[in-house]
Amino acid sequence: MSVTVELPVLESKVLANNPLGDPATRVVPVVLPPGYAESTASGRRYPLIVGLTGFTGRGLMLLNDDAWQPNLAQRLERLYTEGMPHAIFVLPDCFTRYGGSQYINSAATGRYEDYVIDEIIPFVDASYRTIARPEARGVFGKSSGGYGSMILGMRHPEVFGALACHSGDMAFELCYAGDFPKFCNGVNKAGGVEAWWQKFAAKAKKPREDFETLNILAMAACYSPDASAPLGIGLPVDLHTCALIPEVWERWLQWDPVKLLDRYGENLRKLRLVYMDCGIRDQFHLHYGARQMAQRLTERGIPFEHEEFDDDHMSVQYRYDVSLPKLAAALAHSDVNDTASVGATSSASKRGGKSKR
């Protein structure tokens, strides 16, 4: 069952003149299911699933050739053969010069939440035969993409009806704070934030150790922009002592999905599927964040599915074999004309406050 990959280009209005001067015109990869062209005459429509990449990624990378595992298009072909309901996939490019946007709006990076919600989804709905209703849209991703999936699903139940979060950033005091000393070391060695950034940007080859510094800089750009600070970024720690700056750290915590349950938890109750997973040896301790999230969802009586795998943070695309069929099944019965979905059992009917380890 062959899929079709199309690479339309979208000129964004919300990313025009963004603070970093990143491109406003970007490729928007779309993966069409088998038989899409042949179903034109019947007018068959399909659920839409948005795929978000991790830090330093962009959507097109999900289609990269890999010697050791299938790319997303190849994986979908196999999953469709195994009976997964058909869907249209769109893979946004939300990369920034700092490595990523966390799929939220920030005065230091740009309006990437608006880009996905207000531009990409309407563009795909207008260009392809999607079912343009929230109960027929899902979102998934890994790491920063998992974070984006959870955040967008929490904040936009009027857009999405299901989400899958793989090793997503949460419990910020566990996943970020451990890198604060490394960040301070790197920045201080360079002579300050602006000096570090200039040196990093000028390097033809980016050393691995620089990415620990870059990651915290990028997160600060997303969570605590500050026009009065160097690079327009408020730092969560004092560079000399590495002590937390409470008022800035509080701004970070306002974006922590675990904390956001108090504000957006009821939105998750509206979704057909809330799926989370993580490896029990995750290098960023994200399995503990997922467990906290699961515990708090259980306390609120919000349905979800939570799975743990005996792995770490890297090379976990194989987990899509679990999540994507769940997403597609949760969305499939939105299409009364989709014969592939007849008789499919929605994950939403089977879930309910449970964790699997």
Protein backbone atom coordinates (compact mmCIF):
# COMPACT_ATOMS: atom_id res chain seq x y z
CA MET A 1 0.00 0.00 0.00
CA SER A 2 1.94 2.99 -1.27
CA VAL A 3 1.57 6.45 0.22
CA THR A 4 2.13 9.66 -1.73
CA VAL A 5 4.39 12.42 -0.39
CA GLU A 6 3.74 15.97 -1.54
CA LEU A 7 5.85 19.01 -0.65
CA PRO A 8 3.71 22.13 -0.99
CA VAL A 9 5.17 25.47 0.06
CA LEU A 10 3.38 27.85 2.41
CA GLU A 11 4.22 31.53 2.73
CA SER A 12 3.47 32.37 6.34
CA LYS A 13 2.04 35.70 7.39
CA VAL A 14 2.51 35.10 11.12
CA LEU A 15 6.20 34.21 10.72
CA ALA A 16 6.94 37.20 8.51
CA ASN A 17 9.49 39.50 10.17
CA ASN A 18 10.00 37.08 13.04
CA PRO A 19 12.62 38.18 15.63
CA LEU A 20 15.33 35.78 14.43
CA GLY A 21 14.94 36.46 10.73
CA ASP A 22 14.06 32.80 10.10
CA PRO A 23 12.33 31.94 6.80
CA ALA A 24 8.63 32.71 6.58
CA THR A 25 8.24 30.53 3.47
CA ARG A 26 8.58 26.85 4.29
CA VAL A 27 7.90 23.42 2.86
CA VAL A 28 4.89 21.68 4.43
CA PRO A 29 5.29 17.92 3.80
CA VAL A 30 2.00 16.06 3.39
CA VAL A 31 1.72 12.26 3.33
CA LEU A 32 -1.41 11.06 1.54
CA PRO A 33 -2.81 7.58 2.22
CA PRO A 34 -2.98 4.78 -0.36
CA GLY A 35 -5.78 5.28 -2.86
CA TYR A 36 -6.14 8.99 -2.17
CA ALA A 37 -6.10 9.98 -5.86
CA GLU A 38 -8.44 7.16 -6.81
CA SER A 39 -10.97 8.26 -4.20
CA THR A 40 -11.31 11.76 -5.67
CA ALA A 41 -14.48 10.91 -7.58
CA SER A 42 -16.18 9.54 -4.47
CA GLY A 43 -15.24 12.62 -2.48
CA ARG A 44 -13.91 10.51 0.36
CA ARG A 45 -12.42 12.59 3.18
CA TYR A 46 -9.80 11.64 5.75
CA PRO A 47 -8.77 12.50 9.30
CA LEU A 48 -5.74 14.77 9.61
CA ILE A 49 -2.78 13.92 11.87
CA VAL A 50 -0.06 16.49 12.58
CA GLY A 51 3.47 15.16 13.25
CA LEU A 52 5.88 17.30 15.30
CA THR A 53 9.64 16.73 15.42
CA GLY A 54 11.98 17.06 18.38
CA PHE A 55 14.52 19.79 19.15
CA THR A 56 16.68 20.75 16.12
CA GLY A 57 14.25 18.91 13.85
CA ARG A 58 11.88 19.92 11.08
CA GLY A 59 9.00 17.99 9.56
CA LEU A 60 10.81 16.82 6.45
CA MET A 61 13.29 14.92 8.64
CA LEU A 62 10.56 12.41 9.51
CA LEU A 63 10.85 11.26 5.89
CA ASN A 64 14.66 10.86 5.92
CA ASP A 65 16.11 7.55 4.80
CA ASP A 66 17.45 5.47 7.69
CA ALA A 67 19.53 2.34 7.30
CA TRP A 68 18.18 0.79 10.51
CA GLN A 69 14.50 1.64 10.64
CA PRO A 70 11.72 2.81 8.32
CA ASN A 71 11.00 6.48 7.88
CA LEU A 72 7.49 7.72 8.58
CA ALA A 73 6.20 7.11 5.04
CA GLN A 74 7.54 3.55 5.01
CA ARG A 75 6.16 2.91 8.49
CA LEU A 76 2.73 4.16 7.45
CA GLU A 77 2.71 1.87 4.43
CA ARG A 78 3.26 -1.13 6.69
CA LEU A 79 0.75 0.04 9.28
CA TYR A 80 -1.89 0.57 6.60
CA THR A 81 -1.24 -2.94 5.32
CA GLU A 82 -1.77 -4.20 8.87
CA GLY A 83 -5.17 -2.50 9.01
CA MET A 84 -4.58 1.00 10.40
CA PRO A 85 -7.37 3.37 9.26
CA HIS A 86 -6.24 5.81 6.59
CA ALA A 87 -5.38 9.41 7.40
CA ILE A 88 -3.60 12.41 5.93
CA PHE A 89 -0.39 13.39 7.72
CA VAL A 90 1.15 16.87 7.74
CA LEU A 91 4.67 17.50 9.08
CA PRO A 92 5.26 21.17 10.01
CA ASP A 93 8.65 22.88 9.96
CA CYS A 94 8.87 24.94 13.18
CA PHE A 95 12.67 25.11 13.33
CA THR A 96 14.36 28.30 14.53
CA ARG A 97 17.98 29.48 14.60
CA TYR A 98 18.05 28.40 18.24
CA GLY A 99 17.04 24.87 17.27
CA GLY A 100 13.32 24.91 17.93
CA SER A 101 10.20 26.78 18.97
CA GLN A 102 8.47 24.34 21.35
CA TYR A 103 5.47 25.03 19.07
CA ILE A 104 4.43 28.05 21.14
CA ASN A 105 4.37 31.80 20.52
CA SER A 106 7.31 33.82 21.84
CA ALA A 107 8.46 37.39 21.37
CA ALA A 108 12.03 36.03 21.10
CA THR A 109 11.42 33.43 18.37
CA GLY A 110 8.09 33.95 16.61
CA ARG A 111 4.46 32.87 16.52
CA TYR A 112 4.81 29.14 15.98
CA GLU A 113 1.65 28.11 17.79
CA ASP A 114 -0.28 30.44 15.51
CA TYR A 115 1.64 29.08 12.53
CA VAL A 116 0.42 25.53 13.20
CA ILE A 117 -3.10 26.36 14.35
CA ASP A 118 -4.04 29.35 12.19
CA GLU A 119 -2.08 28.67 9.00
CA ILE A 120 -0.90 25.10 8.48
CA ILE A 121 -4.12 23.33 9.42
CA PRO A 122 -6.39 25.69 7.41
CA PHE A 123 -3.94 25.37 4.48
CA VAL A 124 -4.12 21.58 4.51
CA ASP A 125 -7.89 21.61 5.00
CA ALA A 126 -8.25 23.87 1.96
CA SER A 127 -5.80 21.91 -0.20
CA TYR A 128 -6.71 18.30 0.62
CA ARG A 129 -9.81 16.28 1.39
CA THR A 130 -9.59 16.36 5.17
CA ILE A 131 -12.45 16.11 7.63
CA ALA A 132 -12.25 19.66 8.95
CA ARG A 133 -13.53 18.98 12.45
CA PRO A 134 -11.65 18.64 15.76
CA GLU A 135 -12.85 15.07 16.32
CA ALA A 136 -11.05 14.15 13.09
CA ARG A 137 -7.70 15.77 13.91
CA GLY A 138 -4.82 14.39 15.94
CA VAL A 139 -1.28 15.45 16.81
CA PHE A 140 1.77 13.45 17.82
CA GLY A 141 5.47 14.01 18.39
CA LYS A 142 8.60 13.04 20.30
CA SER A 143 10.60 15.05 22.86
CA SER A 144 9.97 18.74 22.03
CA GLY A 145 7.44 17.40 19.53
CA GLY A 146 5.80 15.42 22.32
CA TYR A 147 5.71 18.60 24.37
CA GLY A 148 4.15 20.44 21.44
CA SER A 149 1.55 17.69 21.02
CA MET A 150 0.53 17.90 24.67
CA ILE A 151 0.50 21.72 24.73
CA LEU A 152 -1.44 22.11 21.48
CA GLY A 153 -3.88 19.39 22.50
CA MET A 154 -4.41 21.00 25.92
CA ARG A 155 -4.82 24.51 24.60
CA HIS A 156 -6.81 23.76 21.44
CA PRO A 157 -9.57 21.18 21.88
CA GLU A 158 -11.45 23.20 19.27
CA VAL A 159 -8.78 22.04 16.78
CA PHE A 160 -7.61 18.59 17.97
CA GLY A 161 -9.53 15.54 19.13
CA ALA A 162 -6.61 13.28 20.06
CA LEU A 163 -2.92 13.47 20.95
CA ALA A 164 0.09 11.22 21.42
CA CYS A 165 3.06 12.48 23.43
CA HIS A 166 6.30 10.50 23.18
CA SER A 167 8.93 11.42 25.80
CA GLY A 168 7.57 14.94 25.94
CA ASP A 169 9.13 17.71 28.04
CA MET A 170 7.36 17.97 31.41
CA ALA A 171 8.22 18.32 35.10
CA PHE A 172 10.67 21.10 34.21
CA GLU A 173 12.54 20.95 37.52
CA LEU A 174 13.66 17.44 36.51
CA CYS A 175 14.19 17.70 32.77
CA TYR A 176 15.86 21.12 32.51
CA ALA A 177 17.36 22.15 35.85
CA GLY A 178 20.10 19.52 35.71
CA ASP A 179 21.56 21.25 32.66
CA PHE A 180 21.64 24.73 34.20
CA PRO A 181 25.23 24.35 35.54
CA LYS A 182 26.41 23.18 32.12
CA PHE A 183 24.67 26.15 30.55
CA CYS A 184 26.36 28.57 32.93
CA ASN A 185 29.76 26.95 32.32
CA GLY A 186 29.41 27.27 28.57
CA VAL A 187 28.15 30.84 28.59
CA ASN A 188 30.70 32.04 31.15
CA LYS A 189 33.58 30.46 29.25
CA ALA A 190 32.53 32.37 26.12
CA GLY A 191 32.18 35.68 27.97
CA GLY A 192 28.41 35.99 28.12
CA VAL A 193 25.24 34.92 26.32
CA GLU A 194 25.72 37.13 23.26
CA ALA A 195 29.38 36.14 22.89
CA TRP A 196 28.48 32.45 23.21
CA TRP A 197 25.77 32.73 20.59
CA GLN A 198 28.00 34.58 18.13
CA LYS A 199 30.70 31.93 18.48
CA PHE A 200 28.24 29.07 18.15
CA ALA A 201 26.52 30.58 15.11
CA ALA A 202 29.90 31.09 13.39
CA LYS A 203 31.04 27.47 13.83
CA ALA A 204 30.88 25.40 10.66
CA LYS A 205 30.74 22.27 12.80
CA LYS A 206 28.65 22.41 15.94
CA PRO A 207 30.32 20.47 18.81
CA ARG A 208 28.08 18.07 20.69
CA GLU A 209 28.80 19.73 24.03
CA ASP A 210 27.44 23.03 22.70
CA PHE A 211 23.96 21.58 22.38
CA GLU A 212 23.52 21.36 26.15
CA THR A 213 24.03 25.13 26.25
CA LEU A 214 21.94 25.70 23.14
CA ASN A 215 19.03 23.69 24.53
CA ILE A 216 18.70 25.86 27.64
CA LEU A 217 19.13 29.04 25.59
CA ALA A 218 16.39 27.89 23.22
CA MET A 219 14.03 26.96 26.06
CA ALA A 220 14.60 30.37 27.65
CA ALA A 221 13.83 32.03 24.32
CA CYS A 222 10.52 30.14 24.23
CA TYR A 223 9.46 30.33 27.87
CA SER A 224 10.91 33.63 29.13
CA PRO A 225 11.45 36.20 26.38
CA ASP A 226 12.58 39.59 27.71
CA ALA A 227 13.16 42.47 25.34
CA SER A 228 15.41 44.21 27.88
CA ALA A 229 17.82 41.25 28.22
CA PRO A 230 20.68 40.19 25.93
CA LEU A 231 19.30 38.51 22.79
CA GLY A 232 15.85 39.37 24.13
CA ILE A 233 15.97 36.30 26.38
CA GLY A 234 15.40 36.22 30.13
CA LEU A 235 17.61 33.58 31.78
CA PRO A 236 16.20 31.38 34.57
CA VAL A 237 19.47 31.34 36.52
CA ASP A 238 22.15 33.76 37.67
CA LEU A 239 25.19 33.07 35.49
CA HIS A 240 27.65 33.62 38.35
CA THR A 241 26.00 31.47 41.03
CA CYS A 242 23.65 29.29 38.92
CA ALA A 243 20.95 30.13 41.46
CA LEU A 244 17.40 30.19 40.16
CA ILE A 245 15.91 33.60 39.45
CA PRO A 246 12.44 32.99 40.94
CA GLU A 247 10.42 35.38 38.80
CA VAL A 248 11.91 34.00 35.57
CA TRP A 249 11.72 30.37 36.67
CA GLU A 250 8.04 30.91 37.47
CA ARG A 251 7.51 31.96 33.85
CA TRP A 252 9.02 28.64 32.76
CA LEU A 253 6.77 26.69 35.11
CA GLN A 254 3.73 28.37 33.58
CA TRP A 255 4.53 26.32 30.45
CA ASP A 256 5.09 23.00 32.24
CA PRO A 257 2.33 20.57 31.13
CA VAL A 258 2.17 19.08 34.64
CA LYS A 259 1.41 22.53 36.07
CA LEU A 260 -0.89 23.46 33.19
CA LEU A 261 -3.31 20.69 34.14
CA ASP A 262 -4.80 23.09 36.67
CA ARG A 263 -5.69 25.45 33.83
CA TYR A 264 -6.30 23.17 30.85
CA GLY A 265 -7.05 19.76 32.33
CA GLU A 266 -10.73 19.90 31.44
CA ASN A 267 -9.77 20.43 27.80
CA LEU A 268 -8.00 17.06 27.83
CA ARG A 269 -11.20 15.45 29.04
CA LYS A 270 -12.80 16.46 25.72
CA LEU A 271 -10.28 14.50 23.63
CA ARG A 272 -10.89 11.03 22.23
CA LEU A 273 -7.37 9.92 23.08
CA VAL A 274 -4.63 11.20 25.38
CA TYR A 275 -1.65 8.87 24.95
CA MET A 276 1.74 9.27 26.65
CA ASP A 277 4.84 7.09 26.69
CA CYS A 278 8.46 7.29 27.80
CA GLY A 279 11.53 5.13 28.29
CA ILE A 280 12.38 4.11 31.85
CA ARG A 281 16.01 5.18 31.27
CA ASP A 282 15.29 8.57 29.72
CA GLN A 283 18.40 10.77 29.97
CA PHE A 284 16.30 13.85 30.75
CA HIS A 285 14.25 12.08 33.45
CA LEU A 286 11.11 12.52 31.40
CA HIS A 287 9.70 9.21 32.59
CA TYR A 288 9.22 10.83 35.99
CA GLY A 289 7.44 13.76 34.39
CA ALA A 290 5.14 11.38 32.53
CA ARG A 291 4.43 9.53 35.77
CA GLN A 292 3.57 12.80 37.50
CA MET A 293 1.28 13.67 34.61
CA ALA A 294 -0.38 10.27 34.77
CA GLN A 295 -0.88 10.57 38.51
CA ARG A 296 -2.48 13.99 38.24
CA LEU A 297 -4.70 12.94 35.34
CA THR A 298 -5.86 9.98 37.43
CA GLU A 299 -6.62 12.27 40.38
CA ARG A 300 -8.80 14.40 38.11
CA GLY A 301 -10.52 11.41 36.53
CA ILE A 302 -9.34 12.42 33.05
CA PRO A 303 -9.06 9.41 30.69
CA PHE A 304 -5.58 8.67 29.27
CA GLU A 305 -3.20 5.92 28.26
CA HIS A 306 0.36 5.76 29.58
CA GLU A 307 3.02 3.25 28.56
CA GLU A 308 6.67 2.82 29.52
CA PHE A 309 9.37 1.17 27.44
CA ASP A 310 12.72 -0.33 28.40
CA ASP A 311 14.76 2.25 26.50
CA ASP A 312 15.99 5.83 26.75
CA HIS A 313 15.41 9.10 24.87
CA MET A 314 16.99 8.14 21.54
CA SER A 315 15.84 6.15 18.51
CA VAL A 316 12.34 5.56 19.78
CA GLN A 317 10.44 5.91 16.49
CA TYR A 318 9.47 2.26 16.79
CA ARG A 319 6.95 3.38 19.40
CA TYR A 320 4.94 4.97 16.58
CA ASP A 321 3.82 1.43 15.80
CA VAL A 322 1.79 1.68 19.01
CA SER A 323 0.63 5.29 18.98
CA LEU A 324 -0.27 5.92 15.34
CA PRO A 325 -2.82 3.09 15.06
CA LYS A 326 -4.36 4.33 18.32
CA LEU A 327 -4.59 7.87 16.96
CA ALA A 328 -5.98 6.76 13.61
CA ALA A 329 -8.55 4.49 15.29
CA ALA A 330 -9.66 7.26 17.66
CA LEU A 331 -10.27 9.57 14.70
CA ALA A 332 -11.44 7.06 12.09
CA HIS A 333 -15.15 6.93 12.89
CA SER A 334 -15.40 10.65 12.15
CA ASP A 335 -15.54 9.72 8.45
CA VAL A 336 -18.78 7.96 7.62
CA ASN A 337 -17.54 7.44 4.04
CA ASP A 338 -14.29 5.74 5.09
CA THR A 339 -14.96 2.04 4.57
CA ALA A 340 -11.57 1.26 6.14
CA SER A 341 -12.88 2.54 9.46
CA VAL A 342 -16.03 0.46 9.54
CA GLY A 343 -15.92 -1.80 12.56
CA ALA A 344 -12.76 -0.15 13.92
CA THR A 345 -12.67 0.14 17.71
CA SER A 346 -11.77 3.59 18.94
CA SER A 347 -9.01 3.79 21.52
CA ALA A 348 -11.23 6.32 23.27
CA SER A 349 -13.69 3.56 24.08
CA LYS A 350 -10.99 1.42 25.71
CA ARG A 351 -8.96 3.98 27.61
CA GLY A 352 -9.39 5.38 31.05
CA GLY A 353 -6.76 6.43 33.56
CA LYS A 354 -4.31 3.59 33.14
CA SER A 355 -0.57 3.11 32.99
CA LYS A 356 1.33 0.17 31.55
CA ARG A 357 4.91 -0.59 32.51
